[in-house]
């Protein structure tokens, strides 16, 4: 694609963006969007868990490649809504640590479960991640925009995990699972 044609696409996409995106950084919608997008990247625990979902989904194959990330994002948004409603969820940090431990072990062992069972596992842990995202939303952020931001970032991280699993040998993916497990142990004891 030529540079001129690329610039036209960028201009068309920019023009199609909702006015909320054009607000000043640090306030309103943009603040909520970028804060939501950046939250999963702000902690290694969230980042590793979301990449792990993608790795495990790719290892499992078939419909799991899209159903597991979909279950995660859906229930993560549910967990976020619970936090935004002010309802407490016990053991959020322990649930996040456990997600690394369990997902890492499932990847390291190249475990393939029924699709529904895999969705239940990732969905269960997604509730904890979503609750953490929702509980840490800045007061100045728009709830829907912030939630869309952390959902988008999660999808991107799942895609990163799927892409990594497709590009590297299964032994390296399993090694990554062991590293994720070790990080889960670290987060559990610190």
N, C-alpha and C. Protein backbone atom coordinates (compact mmCIF):
# COMPACT_ATOMS: atom_id res chain seq x y z
N UNK A 1 0.85 -1.16 0.00
CA UNK A 1 0.00 0.00 0.00
C UNK A 1 0.90 1.23 0.00
N UNK A 2 0.56 2.18 -0.82
CA UNK A 2 1.38 3.39 -0.92
C UNK A 2 1.21 4.25 0.32
N UNK A 3 2.18 5.12 0.53
CA UNK A 3 2.13 6.02 1.68
C UNK A 3 0.90 6.93 1.60
N UNK A 4 0.61 7.42 0.40
CA UNK A 4 -0.53 8.32 0.22
C UNK A 4 -1.84 7.60 0.56
N UNK A 5 -1.95 6.36 0.10
CA UNK A 5 -3.15 5.58 0.37
C UNK A 5 -3.26 5.27 1.87
N UNK A 6 -2.13 4.98 2.51
CA UNK A 6 -2.11 4.73 3.95
C UNK A 6 -2.59 5.95 4.72
N UNK A 7 -2.13 7.12 4.31
CA UNK A 7 -2.53 8.35 4.98
C UNK A 7 -4.03 8.60 4.82
N UNK A 8 -4.59 8.24 3.68
CA UNK A 8 -6.03 8.38 3.49
C UNK A 8 -6.79 7.49 4.47
N UNK A 9 -6.31 6.26 4.63
CA UNK A 9 -6.96 5.34 5.57
C UNK A 9 -6.90 5.88 7.00
N UNK A 10 -5.76 6.40 7.38
CA UNK A 10 -5.61 6.98 8.72
C UNK A 10 -6.57 8.15 8.89
N UNK A 11 -6.65 9.01 7.88
CA UNK A 11 -7.55 10.17 7.96
C UNK A 11 -9.01 9.72 8.04
N UNK A 12 -9.38 8.69 7.26
CA UNK A 12 -10.76 8.21 7.30
C UNK A 12 -11.08 7.59 8.66
N UNK A 13 -10.15 6.81 9.22
CA UNK A 13 -10.38 6.23 10.54
C UNK A 13 -10.48 7.30 11.61
N UNK A 14 -9.62 8.31 11.53
CA UNK A 14 -9.67 9.40 12.50
C UNK A 14 -10.99 10.15 12.42
N UNK A 15 -11.46 10.38 11.20
CA UNK A 15 -12.73 11.08 11.02
C UNK A 15 -13.91 10.26 11.52
N UNK A 16 -13.78 8.94 11.48
CA UNK A 16 -14.87 8.07 11.90
C UNK A 16 -14.92 7.87 13.42
N UNK A 17 -13.86 8.29 14.11
CA UNK A 17 -13.83 8.12 15.57
C UNK A 17 -14.88 9.00 16.22
N UNK A 18 -15.48 8.50 17.29
CA UNK A 18 -16.48 9.31 17.99
C UNK A 18 -15.82 10.55 18.60
N UNK A 19 -16.59 11.61 18.78
CA UNK A 19 -16.03 12.84 19.36
C UNK A 19 -15.37 12.61 20.71
N UNK A 20 -15.80 11.59 21.45
CA UNK A 20 -15.22 11.33 22.76
C UNK A 20 -13.72 11.11 22.68
N UNK A 21 -13.25 10.54 21.59
CA UNK A 21 -11.84 10.26 21.44
C UNK A 21 -11.03 11.54 21.25
N UNK A 22 -11.68 12.60 20.79
CA UNK A 22 -10.97 13.84 20.53
C UNK A 22 -10.86 14.73 21.76
N UNK A 23 -11.37 14.29 22.89
CA UNK A 23 -11.28 15.10 24.10
C UNK A 23 -9.83 15.24 24.55
N UNK A 24 -9.58 16.16 25.46
CA UNK A 24 -8.22 16.38 25.95
C UNK A 24 -7.81 15.22 26.84
N UNK A 25 -6.55 14.83 26.73
CA UNK A 25 -6.03 13.74 27.56
C UNK A 25 -6.11 14.13 29.02
N UNK A 26 -6.42 13.14 29.85
CA UNK A 26 -6.47 13.38 31.29
C UNK A 26 -7.85 13.70 31.80
N UNK A 27 -8.82 13.88 30.90
CA UNK A 27 -10.18 14.17 31.33
C UNK A 27 -11.16 13.34 30.53
N UNK A 28 -12.32 13.15 31.07
CA UNK A 28 -13.43 12.57 30.35
C UNK A 28 -13.18 11.24 29.67
N UNK A 29 -13.69 11.16 28.43
CA UNK A 29 -13.70 9.90 27.71
C UNK A 29 -12.31 9.36 27.39
N UNK A 30 -11.43 10.21 26.91
CA UNK A 30 -10.10 9.73 26.55
C UNK A 30 -9.38 9.22 27.78
N UNK A 31 -9.52 9.94 28.88
CA UNK A 31 -8.90 9.49 30.12
C UNK A 31 -9.45 8.10 30.48
N UNK A 32 -10.75 7.94 30.38
CA UNK A 32 -11.36 6.65 30.69
C UNK A 32 -10.92 5.56 29.75
N UNK A 33 -10.86 5.87 28.46
CA UNK A 33 -10.45 4.86 27.48
C UNK A 33 -9.00 4.45 27.71
N UNK A 34 -8.11 5.43 27.80
CA UNK A 34 -6.69 5.10 27.94
C UNK A 34 -6.37 4.51 29.30
N UNK A 35 -7.09 4.94 30.32
CA UNK A 35 -6.89 4.33 31.64
C UNK A 35 -7.35 2.88 31.60
N UNK A 36 -8.46 2.63 30.96
CA UNK A 36 -8.96 1.25 30.83
C UNK A 36 -8.03 0.39 30.01
N UNK A 37 -7.54 0.93 28.88
CA UNK A 37 -6.62 0.17 28.03
C UNK A 37 -5.32 -0.11 28.77
N UNK A 38 -4.83 0.87 29.50
CA UNK A 38 -3.52 0.70 30.14
C UNK A 38 -3.57 -0.18 31.39
N UNK A 39 -4.73 -0.33 32.00
CA UNK A 39 -4.77 -1.09 33.26
C UNK A 39 -4.26 -2.51 33.13
N UNK A 40 -4.68 -3.29 32.13
CA UNK A 40 -4.13 -4.65 32.02
C UNK A 40 -2.61 -4.68 31.78
N UNK A 41 -2.07 -3.60 31.23
CA UNK A 41 -0.64 -3.53 30.98
C UNK A 41 0.14 -3.01 32.20
N UNK A 42 -0.59 -2.49 33.18
CA UNK A 42 0.07 -1.84 34.32
C UNK A 42 0.60 -2.83 35.35
N UNK A 43 0.13 -4.03 35.30
CA UNK A 43 0.61 -5.03 36.25
C UNK A 43 0.96 -6.32 35.53
N UNK A 44 2.10 -6.85 35.86
CA UNK A 44 2.55 -8.08 35.20
C UNK A 44 1.57 -9.22 35.44
N UNK A 45 0.90 -9.22 36.59
CA UNK A 45 -0.05 -10.29 36.88
C UNK A 45 -1.21 -10.29 35.89
N UNK A 46 -1.78 -9.13 35.60
CA UNK A 46 -2.88 -9.06 34.63
C UNK A 46 -2.37 -9.41 33.23
N UNK A 47 -1.25 -8.84 32.86
CA UNK A 47 -0.69 -9.06 31.53
C UNK A 47 -0.43 -10.55 31.30
N UNK A 48 0.23 -11.20 32.25
CA UNK A 48 0.55 -12.62 32.08
C UNK A 48 -0.70 -13.49 32.03
N UNK A 49 -1.69 -13.17 32.84
CA UNK A 49 -2.92 -13.98 32.84
C UNK A 49 -3.64 -13.88 31.50
N UNK A 50 -3.68 -12.71 30.92
CA UNK A 50 -4.41 -12.55 29.66
C UNK A 50 -3.65 -13.16 28.49
N UNK A 51 -2.34 -13.06 28.51
CA UNK A 51 -1.54 -13.75 27.50
C UNK A 51 -1.69 -15.26 27.69
N UNK A 52 -1.75 -15.70 28.95
CA UNK A 52 -1.90 -17.14 29.24
C UNK A 52 -3.20 -17.69 28.67
N UNK A 53 -4.27 -16.93 28.74
CA UNK A 53 -5.54 -17.39 28.16
C UNK A 53 -5.35 -17.63 26.67
N UNK A 54 -4.68 -16.72 26.00
CA UNK A 54 -4.42 -16.89 24.57
C UNK A 54 -3.53 -18.08 24.27
N UNK A 55 -2.48 -18.25 25.07
CA UNK A 55 -1.59 -19.40 24.88
C UNK A 55 -2.35 -20.71 25.04
N UNK A 56 -3.13 -20.81 26.13
CA UNK A 56 -3.85 -22.05 26.39
C UNK A 56 -4.92 -22.30 25.32
N UNK A 57 -5.60 -21.22 24.90
CA UNK A 57 -6.62 -21.37 23.86
C UNK A 57 -5.99 -21.91 22.57
N UNK A 58 -4.82 -21.38 22.21
CA UNK A 58 -4.15 -21.84 20.99
C UNK A 58 -3.68 -23.29 21.14
N UNK A 59 -3.18 -23.64 22.31
CA UNK A 59 -2.76 -25.03 22.53
C UNK A 59 -3.93 -25.99 22.44
N UNK A 60 -5.07 -25.55 22.95
CA UNK A 60 -6.27 -26.40 22.93
C UNK A 60 -6.81 -26.52 21.51
N UNK A 61 -6.77 -25.42 20.77
CA UNK A 61 -7.18 -25.44 19.37
C UNK A 61 -8.69 -25.45 19.16
N UNK A 62 -9.06 -25.55 17.91
CA UNK A 62 -10.48 -25.61 17.54
C UNK A 62 -11.24 -24.36 17.97
N UNK A 63 -12.46 -24.59 18.43
CA UNK A 63 -13.32 -23.47 18.86
C UNK A 63 -12.80 -22.77 20.10
N UNK A 64 -11.93 -23.43 20.84
CA UNK A 64 -11.37 -22.82 22.05
C UNK A 64 -10.60 -21.54 21.74
N UNK A 65 -10.06 -21.44 20.54
CA UNK A 65 -9.26 -20.28 20.17
C UNK A 65 -10.06 -18.99 20.29
N UNK A 66 -11.34 -19.04 20.04
CA UNK A 66 -12.14 -17.83 20.20
C UNK A 66 -13.10 -17.91 21.38
N UNK A 67 -13.53 -19.13 21.77
CA UNK A 67 -14.49 -19.23 22.87
C UNK A 67 -13.86 -18.93 24.24
N UNK A 68 -12.63 -19.37 24.45
CA UNK A 68 -11.99 -19.11 25.74
C UNK A 68 -11.74 -17.61 25.95
N UNK A 69 -11.16 -16.90 24.99
CA UNK A 69 -11.03 -15.45 25.18
C UNK A 69 -12.38 -14.74 25.32
N UNK A 70 -13.38 -15.20 24.57
CA UNK A 70 -14.70 -14.59 24.67
C UNK A 70 -15.28 -14.77 26.08
N UNK A 71 -15.14 -15.97 26.63
CA UNK A 71 -15.62 -16.22 27.99
C UNK A 71 -14.87 -15.35 28.99
N UNK A 72 -13.55 -15.22 28.79
CA UNK A 72 -12.76 -14.41 29.71
C UNK A 72 -13.24 -12.97 29.68
N UNK A 73 -13.33 -12.38 28.50
CA UNK A 73 -13.70 -10.97 28.39
C UNK A 73 -15.11 -10.74 28.92
N UNK A 74 -16.04 -11.62 28.60
CA UNK A 74 -17.42 -11.47 29.05
C UNK A 74 -17.50 -11.48 30.57
N UNK A 75 -16.88 -12.48 31.20
CA UNK A 75 -16.97 -12.57 32.66
C UNK A 75 -16.07 -11.54 33.35
N UNK A 76 -15.02 -11.11 32.69
CA UNK A 76 -14.21 -10.03 33.23
C UNK A 76 -15.04 -8.74 33.31
N UNK A 77 -15.81 -8.46 32.26
CA UNK A 77 -16.70 -7.30 32.29
C UNK A 77 -17.74 -7.44 33.39
N UNK A 78 -18.22 -8.67 33.60
CA UNK A 78 -19.15 -8.92 34.71
C UNK A 78 -18.51 -8.64 36.06
N UNK A 79 -17.27 -9.09 36.24
CA UNK A 79 -16.55 -8.82 37.48
C UNK A 79 -16.32 -7.33 37.67
N UNK A 80 -16.02 -6.64 36.58
CA UNK A 80 -15.86 -5.19 36.64
C UNK A 80 -17.15 -4.50 37.05
N UNK A 81 -18.28 -4.97 36.52
CA UNK A 81 -19.58 -4.39 36.87
C UNK A 81 -19.89 -4.60 38.35
N UNK A 82 -19.52 -5.77 38.87
CA UNK A 82 -19.73 -6.05 40.29
C UNK A 82 -18.94 -5.04 41.14
N UNK A 83 -17.70 -4.79 40.76
CA UNK A 83 -16.88 -3.82 41.51
C UNK A 83 -17.45 -2.41 41.38
N UNK A 84 -17.86 -2.03 40.16
CA UNK A 84 -18.38 -0.69 39.95
C UNK A 84 -19.70 -0.47 40.69
N UNK A 85 -20.43 -1.56 40.93
CA UNK A 85 -21.67 -1.48 41.71
C UNK A 85 -21.38 -1.37 43.20
N UNK A 86 -20.11 -1.52 43.56
CA UNK A 86 -19.73 -1.40 44.97
C UNK A 86 -19.82 -2.70 45.75
N UNK A 87 -20.02 -3.80 45.06
CA UNK A 87 -20.11 -5.09 45.76
C UNK A 87 -18.72 -5.67 45.92
N UNK A 88 -18.39 -6.04 47.13
CA UNK A 88 -17.05 -6.61 47.35
C UNK A 88 -16.96 -8.05 46.83
N UNK A 89 -15.78 -8.43 46.50
CA UNK A 89 -15.49 -9.81 46.10
C UNK A 89 -14.31 -10.25 46.95
N UNK A 90 -14.49 -11.27 47.75
CA UNK A 90 -13.38 -11.68 48.62
C UNK A 90 -12.23 -12.29 47.81
N UNK A 91 -11.05 -12.11 48.32
CA UNK A 91 -9.84 -12.77 47.81
C UNK A 91 -9.51 -12.44 46.36
N UNK A 92 -9.69 -11.18 45.96
CA UNK A 92 -9.42 -10.80 44.57
C UNK A 92 -7.96 -11.03 44.21
N UNK A 93 -7.05 -10.56 45.04
CA UNK A 93 -5.63 -10.72 44.72
C UNK A 93 -5.22 -12.20 44.72
N UNK A 94 -5.78 -12.96 45.62
CA UNK A 94 -5.49 -14.41 45.64
C UNK A 94 -6.05 -15.08 44.40
N UNK A 95 -7.22 -14.64 43.93
CA UNK A 95 -7.80 -15.18 42.70
C UNK A 95 -6.95 -14.87 41.49
N UNK A 96 -6.37 -13.67 41.47
CA UNK A 96 -5.50 -13.29 40.36
C UNK A 96 -4.23 -14.12 40.38
N UNK A 97 -3.65 -14.29 41.57
CA UNK A 97 -2.45 -15.14 41.69
C UNK A 97 -2.76 -16.58 41.30
N UNK A 98 -3.91 -17.07 41.75
CA UNK A 98 -4.30 -18.44 41.40
C UNK A 98 -4.50 -18.60 39.91
N UNK A 99 -4.97 -17.55 39.25
CA UNK A 99 -5.15 -17.64 37.79
C UNK A 99 -3.82 -17.89 37.11
N UNK A 100 -2.77 -17.23 37.57
CA UNK A 100 -1.45 -17.44 36.98
C UNK A 100 -0.96 -18.86 37.26
N UNK A 101 -1.15 -19.29 38.46
CA UNK A 101 -0.71 -20.62 38.86
C UNK A 101 -1.42 -21.70 38.04
N UNK A 102 -2.74 -21.63 37.99
CA UNK A 102 -3.54 -22.66 37.31
C UNK A 102 -3.36 -22.59 35.80
N UNK A 103 -3.48 -21.40 35.22
CA UNK A 103 -3.33 -21.29 33.77
C UNK A 103 -1.92 -21.69 33.34
N UNK A 104 -0.93 -21.30 34.12
CA UNK A 104 0.44 -21.70 33.82
C UNK A 104 0.61 -23.21 33.83
N UNK A 105 0.03 -23.86 34.83
CA UNK A 105 0.11 -25.33 34.89
C UNK A 105 -0.62 -25.99 33.73
N UNK A 106 -1.76 -25.44 33.36
CA UNK A 106 -2.52 -26.00 32.23
C UNK A 106 -1.74 -25.87 30.92
N UNK A 107 -1.04 -24.75 30.77
CA UNK A 107 -0.21 -24.56 29.57
C UNK A 107 1.01 -25.47 29.62
N UNK A 108 1.67 -25.49 30.77
CA UNK A 108 2.90 -26.30 30.90
C UNK A 108 2.63 -27.78 30.65
N UNK A 109 1.46 -28.24 31.06
CA UNK A 109 1.12 -29.66 30.86
C UNK A 109 0.42 -29.90 29.52
N UNK A 110 0.22 -28.84 28.73
CA UNK A 110 -0.49 -28.93 27.45
C UNK A 110 -1.85 -29.61 27.63
N UNK A 111 -2.52 -29.25 28.72
CA UNK A 111 -3.81 -29.86 29.07
C UNK A 111 -4.89 -29.41 28.09
N UNK A 112 -5.62 -30.38 27.57
CA UNK A 112 -6.74 -30.09 26.68
C UNK A 112 -8.00 -30.64 27.32
N UNK A 113 -8.87 -29.72 27.71
CA UNK A 113 -10.14 -30.07 28.33
C UNK A 113 -11.26 -29.85 27.33
N UNK A 114 -12.45 -30.27 27.71
CA UNK A 114 -13.63 -29.94 26.91
C UNK A 114 -13.72 -28.41 26.83
N UNK A 115 -14.24 -27.91 25.74
CA UNK A 115 -14.32 -26.47 25.54
C UNK A 115 -15.08 -25.81 26.69
N UNK A 116 -16.20 -26.38 27.09
CA UNK A 116 -16.99 -25.76 28.15
C UNK A 116 -16.21 -25.70 29.46
N UNK A 117 -15.43 -26.73 29.76
CA UNK A 117 -14.65 -26.74 31.00
C UNK A 117 -13.56 -25.67 30.96
N UNK A 118 -12.92 -25.53 29.81
CA UNK A 118 -11.90 -24.48 29.65
C UNK A 118 -12.53 -23.10 29.82
N UNK A 119 -13.72 -22.92 29.27
CA UNK A 119 -14.41 -21.64 29.39
C UNK A 119 -14.78 -21.34 30.84
N UNK A 120 -15.18 -22.36 31.57
CA UNK A 120 -15.52 -22.17 32.98
C UNK A 120 -14.28 -21.75 33.77
N UNK A 121 -13.16 -22.39 33.51
CA UNK A 121 -11.92 -22.06 34.23
C UNK A 121 -11.49 -20.64 33.95
N UNK A 122 -11.37 -20.27 32.67
CA UNK A 122 -10.91 -18.91 32.37
C UNK A 122 -11.95 -17.88 32.81
N UNK A 123 -13.22 -18.23 32.69
CA UNK A 123 -14.27 -17.31 33.13
C UNK A 123 -14.26 -17.06 34.62
N UNK A 124 -14.02 -18.10 35.39
CA UNK A 124 -13.93 -17.98 36.84
C UNK A 124 -12.82 -16.98 37.22
N UNK A 125 -11.65 -17.16 36.64
CA UNK A 125 -10.53 -16.26 36.96
C UNK A 125 -10.75 -14.86 36.41
N UNK A 126 -11.48 -14.77 35.30
CA UNK A 126 -11.75 -13.46 34.71
C UNK A 126 -12.55 -12.57 35.65
N UNK A 127 -13.40 -13.15 36.46
CA UNK A 127 -14.20 -12.38 37.41
C UNK A 127 -13.28 -11.62 38.37
N UNK A 128 -12.23 -12.26 38.83
CA UNK A 128 -11.28 -11.61 39.74
C UNK A 128 -10.54 -10.47 39.04
N UNK A 129 -10.09 -10.75 37.82
CA UNK A 129 -9.38 -9.71 37.07
C UNK A 129 -10.31 -8.53 36.79
N UNK A 130 -11.53 -8.81 36.40
CA UNK A 130 -12.50 -7.75 36.12
C UNK A 130 -12.82 -6.94 37.36
N UNK A 131 -12.95 -7.62 38.50
CA UNK A 131 -13.24 -6.90 39.74
C UNK A 131 -12.10 -5.94 40.06
N UNK A 132 -10.87 -6.40 39.88
CA UNK A 132 -9.72 -5.52 40.13
C UNK A 132 -9.74 -4.32 39.18
N UNK A 133 -10.05 -4.56 37.91
CA UNK A 133 -10.12 -3.46 36.95
C UNK A 133 -11.20 -2.45 37.36
N UNK A 134 -12.37 -2.97 37.69
CA UNK A 134 -13.49 -2.09 38.08
C UNK A 134 -13.23 -1.33 39.36
N UNK A 135 -12.63 -2.00 40.34
CA UNK A 135 -12.36 -1.35 41.62
C UNK A 135 -11.33 -0.24 41.50
N UNK A 136 -10.47 -0.32 40.50
CA UNK A 136 -9.40 0.66 40.34
C UNK A 136 -9.72 1.72 39.28
N UNK A 137 -10.99 1.79 38.86
CA UNK A 137 -11.37 2.81 37.88
C UNK A 137 -11.31 4.19 38.53
N UNK A 138 -10.63 5.14 37.89
CA UNK A 138 -10.61 6.50 38.42
C UNK A 138 -12.01 7.11 38.41
N UNK A 139 -12.30 7.92 39.40
CA UNK A 139 -13.63 8.53 39.51
C UNK A 139 -13.96 9.41 38.32
N UNK A 140 -12.96 9.98 37.66
CA UNK A 140 -13.21 10.87 36.53
C UNK A 140 -13.51 10.14 35.23
N UNK A 141 -13.41 8.82 35.24
CA UNK A 141 -13.59 8.05 34.01
C UNK A 141 -15.05 7.70 33.78
N UNK A 142 -15.42 7.64 32.52
CA UNK A 142 -16.74 7.16 32.13
C UNK A 142 -16.72 5.63 32.22
N UNK A 143 -17.68 5.07 32.91
CA UNK A 143 -17.70 3.63 33.19
C UNK A 143 -17.65 2.79 31.92
N UNK A 144 -18.50 3.10 30.96
CA UNK A 144 -18.55 2.29 29.74
C UNK A 144 -17.28 2.42 28.91
N UNK A 145 -16.76 3.63 28.82
CA UNK A 145 -15.54 3.85 28.04
C UNK A 145 -14.36 3.15 28.71
N UNK A 146 -14.25 3.29 30.03
CA UNK A 146 -13.17 2.62 30.78
C UNK A 146 -13.26 1.11 30.59
N UNK A 147 -14.48 0.56 30.73
CA UNK A 147 -14.68 -0.89 30.56
C UNK A 147 -14.34 -1.34 29.15
N UNK A 148 -14.73 -0.55 28.17
CA UNK A 148 -14.38 -0.88 26.78
C UNK A 148 -12.86 -0.89 26.61
N UNK A 149 -12.19 0.02 27.29
CA UNK A 149 -10.73 0.07 27.21
C UNK A 149 -10.07 -1.17 27.77
N UNK A 150 -10.49 -1.60 28.97
CA UNK A 150 -9.83 -2.80 29.51
C UNK A 150 -10.26 -4.06 28.78
N UNK A 151 -11.45 -4.07 28.20
CA UNK A 151 -11.86 -5.22 27.38
C UNK A 151 -11.02 -5.28 26.10
N UNK A 152 -10.81 -4.14 25.46
CA UNK A 152 -10.01 -4.09 24.25
C UNK A 152 -8.57 -4.54 24.52
N UNK A 153 -7.99 -4.05 25.60
CA UNK A 153 -6.62 -4.45 25.95
C UNK A 153 -6.55 -5.95 26.21
N UNK A 154 -7.57 -6.50 26.84
CA UNK A 154 -7.59 -7.93 27.13
C UNK A 154 -7.65 -8.74 25.84
N UNK A 155 -8.48 -8.31 24.91
CA UNK A 155 -8.57 -8.99 23.61
C UNK A 155 -7.21 -8.95 22.91
N UNK A 156 -6.56 -7.80 22.94
CA UNK A 156 -5.24 -7.69 22.32
C UNK A 156 -4.23 -8.62 22.97
N UNK A 157 -4.26 -8.72 24.29
CA UNK A 157 -3.33 -9.61 24.99
C UNK A 157 -3.65 -11.08 24.73
N UNK A 158 -4.93 -11.42 24.64
CA UNK A 158 -5.30 -12.79 24.25
C UNK A 158 -4.76 -13.09 22.86
N UNK A 159 -4.94 -12.14 21.96
CA UNK A 159 -4.43 -12.31 20.59
C UNK A 159 -2.92 -12.46 20.57
N UNK A 160 -2.23 -11.72 21.42
CA UNK A 160 -0.78 -11.86 21.53
C UNK A 160 -0.41 -13.28 21.95
N UNK A 161 -1.12 -13.81 22.93
CA UNK A 161 -0.86 -15.19 23.37
C UNK A 161 -1.14 -16.20 22.28
N UNK A 162 -2.23 -16.02 21.56
CA UNK A 162 -2.56 -16.93 20.46
C UNK A 162 -1.48 -16.85 19.39
N UNK A 163 -1.09 -15.63 19.04
CA UNK A 163 -0.05 -15.45 18.03
C UNK A 163 1.27 -16.07 18.44
N UNK A 164 1.65 -15.87 19.70
CA UNK A 164 2.90 -16.47 20.20
C UNK A 164 2.85 -17.98 20.09
N UNK A 165 1.72 -18.57 20.50
CA UNK A 165 1.60 -20.02 20.47
C UNK A 165 1.65 -20.56 19.05
N UNK A 166 1.18 -19.78 18.09
CA UNK A 166 1.21 -20.20 16.70
C UNK A 166 2.60 -20.07 16.07
N UNK A 167 3.40 -19.17 16.61
CA UNK A 167 4.70 -18.89 16.01
C UNK A 167 5.86 -19.67 16.62
N UNK A 168 5.70 -20.10 17.85
CA UNK A 168 6.82 -20.78 18.50
C UNK A 168 6.49 -22.26 18.72
N UNK A 169 7.50 -23.04 18.98
CA UNK A 169 7.32 -24.48 19.18
C UNK A 169 6.54 -24.74 20.47
N UNK A 170 5.81 -25.85 20.47
CA UNK A 170 4.99 -26.18 21.62
C UNK A 170 5.83 -26.29 22.90
N UNK A 171 7.05 -26.77 22.81
CA UNK A 171 7.90 -26.87 23.99
C UNK A 171 8.16 -25.49 24.60
N UNK A 172 8.34 -24.48 23.76
CA UNK A 172 8.54 -23.12 24.27
C UNK A 172 7.27 -22.56 24.89
N UNK A 173 6.13 -22.90 24.32
CA UNK A 173 4.86 -22.49 24.91
C UNK A 173 4.70 -23.12 26.28
N UNK A 174 5.05 -24.39 26.39
CA UNK A 174 4.96 -25.09 27.68
C UNK A 174 5.95 -24.50 28.68
N UNK A 175 7.12 -24.11 28.20
CA UNK A 175 8.09 -23.45 29.07
C UNK A 175 7.52 -22.11 29.57
N UNK A 176 6.85 -21.38 28.68
CA UNK A 176 6.20 -20.13 29.08
C UNK A 176 5.15 -20.40 30.15
N UNK A 177 4.45 -21.53 30.03
CA UNK A 177 3.48 -21.91 31.06
C UNK A 177 4.14 -22.11 32.41
N UNK A 178 5.31 -22.74 32.42
CA UNK A 178 6.03 -22.91 33.68
C UNK A 178 6.43 -21.56 34.27
N UNK A 179 6.88 -20.64 33.41
CA UNK A 179 7.26 -19.31 33.88
C UNK A 179 6.05 -18.57 34.46
N UNK A 180 4.89 -18.73 33.83
CA UNK A 180 3.66 -18.10 34.33
C UNK A 180 3.30 -18.71 35.68
N UNK A 181 3.45 -20.02 35.82
CA UNK A 181 3.18 -20.68 37.09
C UNK A 181 4.09 -20.13 38.19
N UNK A 182 5.36 -19.99 37.89
CA UNK A 182 6.31 -19.45 38.87
C UNK A 182 5.94 -18.01 39.27
N UNK A 183 5.48 -17.24 38.30
CA UNK A 183 5.07 -15.88 38.64
C UNK A 183 3.83 -15.91 39.54
N UNK A 184 2.94 -16.88 39.32
CA UNK A 184 1.78 -17.02 40.19
C UNK A 184 2.20 -17.35 41.62
N UNK A 185 3.19 -18.21 41.75
CA UNK A 185 3.72 -18.54 43.09
C UNK A 185 4.30 -17.28 43.72
N UNK A 186 5.09 -16.53 42.93
CA UNK A 186 5.69 -15.29 43.44
C UNK A 186 4.62 -14.33 43.94
N UNK A 187 3.59 -14.10 43.14
CA UNK A 187 2.53 -13.17 43.54
C UNK A 187 1.76 -13.68 44.74
N UNK A 188 1.64 -14.99 44.88
CA UNK A 188 0.91 -15.56 46.02
C UNK A 188 1.66 -15.37 47.33
N UNK A 189 2.99 -15.39 47.27
CA UNK A 189 3.77 -15.30 48.52
C UNK A 189 4.22 -13.88 48.84
N UNK A 190 4.06 -12.96 47.90
CA UNK A 190 4.51 -11.57 48.20
C UNK A 190 3.34 -10.68 48.51
